C-alpha atoms as a PDB file:
ATOM      1  CA  MET A   1       0.032   0.180  -0.040  1.00  0.00           C
ATOM      2  CA  ILE A   2       1.627   3.237  -1.208  1.00  0.00           C
ATOM      3  CA  GLY A   3       0.458   6.150   1.008  1.00  0.00           C
ATOM      4  CA  TYR A   4      -0.590   9.575  -0.506  1.00  0.00           C
ATOM      5  CA  CYS A   5       3.098  10.655   0.435  1.00  0.00           C
ATOM      6  CA  GLY A   6       4.868   7.757  -1.108  1.00  0.00           C
ATOM      7  CA  ARG A   7       5.477   5.873   1.924  1.00  0.00           C
ATOM      8  CA  ASN A   8       5.358   2.209   1.474  1.00  0.00           C
ATOM      9  CA  CYS A   9       3.433   1.118   4.664  1.00  0.00           C
ATOM     10  CA  VAL A  10       3.508  -2.642   4.065  1.00  0.00           C
ATOM     11  CA  VAL A  11       7.426  -2.153   4.120  1.00  0.00           C
ATOM     12  CA  SER A  12       8.022   0.401   6.215  1.00  0.00           C
ATOM     13  CA  CYS A  13       5.437   0.506   8.989  1.00  0.00           C
ATOM     14  CA  ALA A  14       5.285  -1.944  11.745  1.00  0.00           C
ATOM     15  CA  ALA A  15       1.752  -0.641  12.423  1.00  0.00           C
ATOM     16  CA  TYR A  16       0.372  -1.614   9.043  1.00  0.00           C
ATOM     17  CA  THR A  17      -1.947  -4.653   8.916  1.00  0.00           C
ATOM     18  CA  THR A  18      -4.579  -5.860   6.412  1.00  0.00           C
ATOM     19  CA  GLU A  19      -7.739  -7.745   6.862  1.00  0.00           C
ATOM     20  CA  GLU A  20      -6.154 -10.915   5.844  1.00  0.00           C
ATOM     21  CA  ASN A  21      -3.861 -10.188   8.712  1.00  0.00           C
ATOM     22  CA  PRO A  22      -5.705  -8.551  11.431  1.00  0.00           C
ATOM     23  CA  PRO A  23      -4.114  -7.025  14.798  1.00  0.00           C
ATOM     24  CA  THR A  24      -3.294  -9.647  17.350  1.00  0.00           C
ATOM     25  CA  ASP A  25      -2.273  -7.449  20.190  1.00  0.00           C
ATOM     26  CA  VAL A  26      -5.542  -7.016  22.132  1.00  0.00           C
ATOM     27  CA  VAL A  27      -3.655  -5.149  24.815  1.00  0.00           C
ATOM     28  CA  HIS A  28      -2.922  -1.996  22.485  1.00  0.00           C
ATOM     29  CA  PRO A  29      -5.682  -2.340  20.085  1.00  0.00           C
ATOM     30  CA  HIS A  30      -4.948   1.446  18.556  1.00  0.00           C
ATOM     31  CA  ILE A  31      -1.429   0.480  17.432  1.00  0.00           C
ATOM     32  CA  TRP A  32      -2.329  -0.726  13.965  1.00  0.00           C
ATOM     33  CA  CYS A  33      -3.351   0.719  10.866  1.00  0.00           C
ATOM     34  CA  ARG A  34      -4.546   0.103   7.501  1.00  0.00           C
ATOM     35  CA  GLY A  35      -2.747   2.893   5.768  1.00  0.00           C
ATOM     36  CA  CYS A  36      -3.903   6.429   5.317  1.00  0.00           C
ATOM     37  CA  LYS A  37      -6.340   5.914   2.480  1.00  0.00           C
ATOM     38  CA  ALA A  38      -8.442   3.785   4.903  1.00  0.00           C
ATOM     39  CA  ASP A  39     -11.646   5.063   6.428  1.00  0.00           C
ATOM     40  CA  ASP A  40     -10.815   7.135   9.979  1.00  0.00           C
ATOM     41  CA  ASP A  41     -11.703   4.046  12.213  1.00  0.00           C
ATOM     42  CA  LYS A  42      -8.933   1.964  10.499  1.00  0.00           C
ATOM     43  CA  VAL A  43      -6.019   4.057  10.790  1.00  0.00           C
ATOM     44  CA  TRP A  44      -3.401   4.709  13.580  1.00  0.00           C
ATOM     45  CA  GLU A  45      -4.318   7.861  15.935  1.00  0.00           C
ATOM     46  CA  TRP A  46      -1.582   9.983  14.502  1.00  0.00           C
ATOM     47  CA  VAL A  47      -2.474   9.406  10.843  1.00  0.00           C
ATOM     48  CA  LEU A  48      -5.804  11.358  11.340  1.00  0.00           C
ATOM     49  CA  ASP A  49      -3.704  14.618  12.009  1.00  0.00           C
ATOM     50  CA  CYS A  50      -1.528  14.027   8.926  1.00  0.00           C
ATOM     51  CA  LYS A  51      -1.747  17.009   6.660  1.00  0.00           C
ATOM     52  CA  VAL A  52      -0.526  15.195   3.436  1.00  0.00           C
ATOM     53  CA  ARG A  53      -3.673  12.741   4.104  1.00  0.00           C
ATOM     54  CA  GLN A  54      -6.284  15.456   4.805  1.00  0.00           C
ATOM     55  CA  CYS A  55      -5.168  16.915   1.477  1.00  0.00           C
ATOM     56  CA  GLY A  56      -4.985  13.505  -0.684  1.00  0.00           C
ATOM     57  CA  ARG A  57      -8.412  12.759   0.725  1.00  0.00           C
ATOM     58  CA  LYS A  58     -10.092  16.189  -0.039  1.00  0.00           C
ATOM     59  CA  ARG A  59      -8.485  16.091  -3.517  1.00  0.00           C
ATOM     60  CA  GLN A  60      -9.224  12.390  -4.088  1.00  0.00           C
ATOM     61  CA  VAL A  61      -5.944  11.614  -5.684  1.00  0.00           C
ATOM     62  CA  GLU A  62      -4.295   8.085  -5.610  1.00  0.00           C
ATOM     63  CA  THR A  63      -1.125   9.495  -4.526  1.00  0.00           C
ATOM     64  CA  CYS A  64       0.458  13.111  -4.202  1.00  0.00           C
ATOM     65  CA  ALA A  65       2.428  12.188  -7.411  1.00  0.00           C
ATOM     66  CA  HIS A  66      -1.141  12.541  -8.936  1.00  0.00           C
ATOM     67  CA  CYS A  67      -1.850  15.855  -7.860  1.00  0.00           C
ATOM     68  CA  PRO A  68      -1.672  18.940 -10.287  1.00  0.00           C
ATOM     69  CA  GLU A  69      -0.145  20.859  -7.362  1.00  0.00           C
ATOM     70  CA  TYR A  70       2.879  18.137  -6.888  1.00  0.00           C
ATOM     71  CA  SER A  71       5.044  18.983  -5.162  1.00  0.00           C
ATOM     72  CA  CYS A  72       3.564  21.346  -2.612  1.00  0.00           C
ATOM     73  CA  ALA A  73       5.009  22.953   0.491  1.00  0.00           C
ATOM     74  CA  THR A  74       2.800  20.564   2.834  1.00  0.00           C
ATOM     75  CA  LEU A  75       4.628  17.370   1.017  1.00  0.00           C
ATOM     76  CA  GLU A  76       7.814  19.054   0.938  1.00  0.00           C
ATOM     77  CA  HIS A  77       7.588  19.660   4.934  1.00  0.00           C
ATOM     78  CA  LEU A  78       6.889  15.892   5.302  1.00  0.00           C
ATOM     79  CA  HIS A  79       9.792  14.861   3.122  1.00  0.00           C
ATOM     80  CA  ARG A  80      12.294  17.028   4.963  1.00  0.00           C
ATOM     81  CA  THR A  81      11.494  15.035   8.127  1.00  0.00           C
ATOM     82  CA  SER A  82      11.116  11.509   6.593  1.00  0.00           C
ATOM     83  CA  ASP A  83      13.196   9.079   4.745  1.00  0.00           C
ATOM     84  CA  SER A  84      14.112   9.686   1.163  1.00  0.00           C
ATOM     85  CA  HIS A  85      12.163   6.602   0.147  1.00  0.00           C
ATOM     86  CA  THR A  86       9.111   8.432   0.043  1.00  0.00           C
ATOM     87  CA  ARG A  87      10.091  11.203  -2.215  1.00  0.00           C
ATOM     88  CA  GLN A  88      11.773   8.575  -4.596  1.00  0.00           C
ATOM     89  CA  GLN A  89       8.539   6.456  -4.706  1.00  0.00           C
ATOM     90  CA  LEU A  90       6.631   9.493  -5.541  1.00  0.00           C
ATOM     91  CA  GLU A  91       9.040  10.477  -8.242  1.00  0.00           C
ATOM     92  CA  GLU A  92       8.931   7.145  -9.757  1.00  0.00           C
ATOM     93  CA  ILE A  93       5.115   7.240  -9.672  1.00  0.00           C
ATOM     94  CA  ARG A  94       5.233  10.608 -11.385  1.00  0.00           C
ATOM     95  CA  GLN A  95       7.539   9.520 -13.880  1.00  0.00           C
ATOM     96  CA  SER A  96       5.168   6.460 -15.148  1.00  0.00           C
ATOM     97  CA  LEU A  97       2.316   8.823 -15.326  1.00  0.00           C
ATOM     98  CA  SER A  98       4.327  11.178 -17.354  1.00  0.00           C
ATOM     99  CA  ASP A  99       5.171   8.069 -19.840  1.00  0.00           C
ATOM    100  CA  GLU A 100       1.793   6.860 -19.660  1.00  0.00           C
ATOM    101  CA  GLU A 101       0.685  10.274 -20.791  1.00  0.00           C
ATOM    102  CA  SER A 102       3.375  10.102 -23.680  1.00  0.00           C
ATOM    103  CA  ASP A 103       2.461   6.922 -25.039  1.00  0.00           C
ATOM    104  CA  THR A 104      -1.447   7.974 -24.988  1.00  0.00           C
ATOM    105  CA  ARG A 105      -0.444  11.158 -27.267  1.00  0.00           C
ATOM    106  CA  GLN A 106       1.663   9.018 -29.599  1.00  0.00           C
ATOM    107  CA  ASP A 107      -1.446   6.804 -30.257  1.00  0.00           C
END
Protein backbone atom coordinates (compact mmCIF):
# COMPACT_ATOMS: atom_id res chain seq x y z
CA MET A 1 0.00 0.00 0.00
CA ILE A 2 1.56 3.26 -1.12
CA GLY A 3 0.37 6.20 0.95
CA TYR A 4 -0.41 9.65 -0.40
CA CYS A 5 3.11 10.76 0.58
CA GLY A 6 4.83 7.85 -1.16
CA ARG A 7 5.46 5.75 1.94
CA ASN A 8 5.21 2.02 1.34
CA CYS A 9 3.27 1.11 4.46
CA VAL A 10 3.71 -2.64 3.97
CA VAL A 11 7.49 -2.31 4.12
CA SER A 12 8.10 0.68 6.38
CA CYS A 13 5.40 0.62 9.05
CA ALA A 14 5.24 -1.93 11.86
CA ALA A 15 1.67 -0.85 12.62
CA TYR A 16 0.38 -1.64 9.12
CA THR A 17 -2.02 -4.55 8.89
CA THR A 18 -4.57 -5.88 6.44
CA GLU A 19 -7.95 -7.56 6.72
CA GLU A 20 -6.19 -10.84 5.93
CA ASN A 21 -3.66 -10.12 8.68
CA PRO A 22 -5.71 -8.53 11.50
CA PRO A 23 -4.06 -7.13 14.63
CA THR A 24 -3.50 -9.72 17.33
CA ASP A 25 -2.32 -7.39 20.10
CA VAL A 26 -5.43 -6.88 22.23
CA VAL A 27 -3.46 -4.96 24.86
CA HIS A 28 -2.84 -2.09 22.42
CA PRO A 29 -5.72 -2.21 19.92
CA HIS A 30 -5.02 1.30 18.60
CA ILE A 31 -1.47 0.57 17.51
CA TRP A 32 -2.35 -0.86 14.11
CA CYS A 33 -3.24 0.76 10.86
CA ARG A 34 -4.59 -0.12 7.43
CA GLY A 35 -2.82 2.77 5.76
CA CYS A 36 -3.70 6.42 5.30
CA LYS A 37 -6.23 5.69 2.57
CA ALA A 38 -8.40 3.67 4.96
CA ASP A 39 -11.40 5.05 6.83
CA ASP A 40 -10.68 7.07 9.96
CA ASP A 41 -11.58 4.21 12.29
CA LYS A 42 -8.99 1.94 10.65
CA VAL A 43 -5.88 4.11 10.96
CA TRP A 44 -3.37 4.74 13.70
CA GLU A 45 -4.38 7.82 15.70
CA TRP A 46 -1.50 10.03 14.50
CA VAL A 47 -2.48 9.41 10.88
CA LEU A 48 -5.68 11.39 11.48
CA ASP A 49 -3.60 14.55 11.94
CA CYS A 50 -1.43 14.07 8.85
CA LYS A 51 -1.76 17.15 6.63
CA VAL A 52 -0.71 15.19 3.54
CA ARG A 53 -3.44 12.60 4.18
CA GLN A 54 -6.04 15.33 4.74
CA CYS A 55 -5.10 17.00 1.47
CA GLY A 56 -4.97 13.76 -0.52
CA ARG A 57 -8.41 12.72 0.71
CA LYS A 58 -9.85 16.16 -0.03
CA ARG A 59 -8.40 16.19 -3.56
CA GLN A 60 -9.30 12.53 -4.12
CA VAL A 61 -5.94 11.64 -5.63
CA GLU A 62 -4.33 8.20 -5.57
CA THR A 63 -1.02 9.65 -4.34
CA CYS A 64 0.50 13.11 -4.21
CA ALA A 65 2.27 12.26 -7.48
CA HIS A 66 -1.18 12.34 -9.12
CA CYS A 67 -1.90 15.85 -7.86
CA PRO A 68 -1.68 18.79 -10.28
CA GLU A 69 0.03 20.82 -7.53
CA TYR A 70 2.79 18.26 -6.96
CA SER A 71 5.09 18.95 -5.09
CA CYS A 72 3.49 21.37 -2.63
CA ALA A 73 4.84 22.90 0.58
CA THR A 74 2.91 20.43 2.76
CA LEU A 75 4.49 17.47 1.03
CA GLU A 76 7.94 19.06 1.00
CA HIS A 77 7.73 19.64 4.75
CA LEU A 78 6.91 15.97 5.32
CA HIS A 79 9.71 14.82 3.02
CA ARG A 80 12.24 16.97 4.89
CA THR A 81 11.39 15.03 8.05
CA SER A 82 11.07 11.52 6.60
CA ASP A 83 13.24 9.04 4.77
CA SER A 84 14.25 9.59 1.15
CA HIS A 85 12.32 6.53 -0.05
CA THR A 86 8.98 8.32 0.14
CA ARG A 87 10.12 11.09 -2.19
CA GLN A 88 11.77 8.57 -4.52
CA GLN A 89 8.57 6.50 -4.66
CA LEU A 90 6.53 9.56 -5.70
CA GLU A 91 9.11 10.58 -8.28
CA GLU A 92 8.90 7.11 -9.83
CA ILE A 93 5.10 7.27 -9.89
CA ARG A 94 5.24 10.75 -11.38
CA GLN A 95 7.60 9.53 -14.09
CA SER A 96 5.36 6.56 -14.94
CA LEU A 97 2.38 8.92 -15.22
CA SER A 98 4.39 11.11 -17.58
CA ASP A 99 5.40 8.07 -19.63
CA GLU A 100 1.77 6.91 -19.85
CA GLU A 101 0.70 10.37 -21.00
CA SER A 102 3.39 10.36 -23.71
CA ASP A 103 2.27 6.92 -24.89
CA THR A 104 -1.34 8.09 -25.07
CA ARG A 105 -0.39 11.13 -27.15
CA GLN A 106 1.56 8.94 -29.60
CA ASP A 107 -1.43 6.65 -30.21
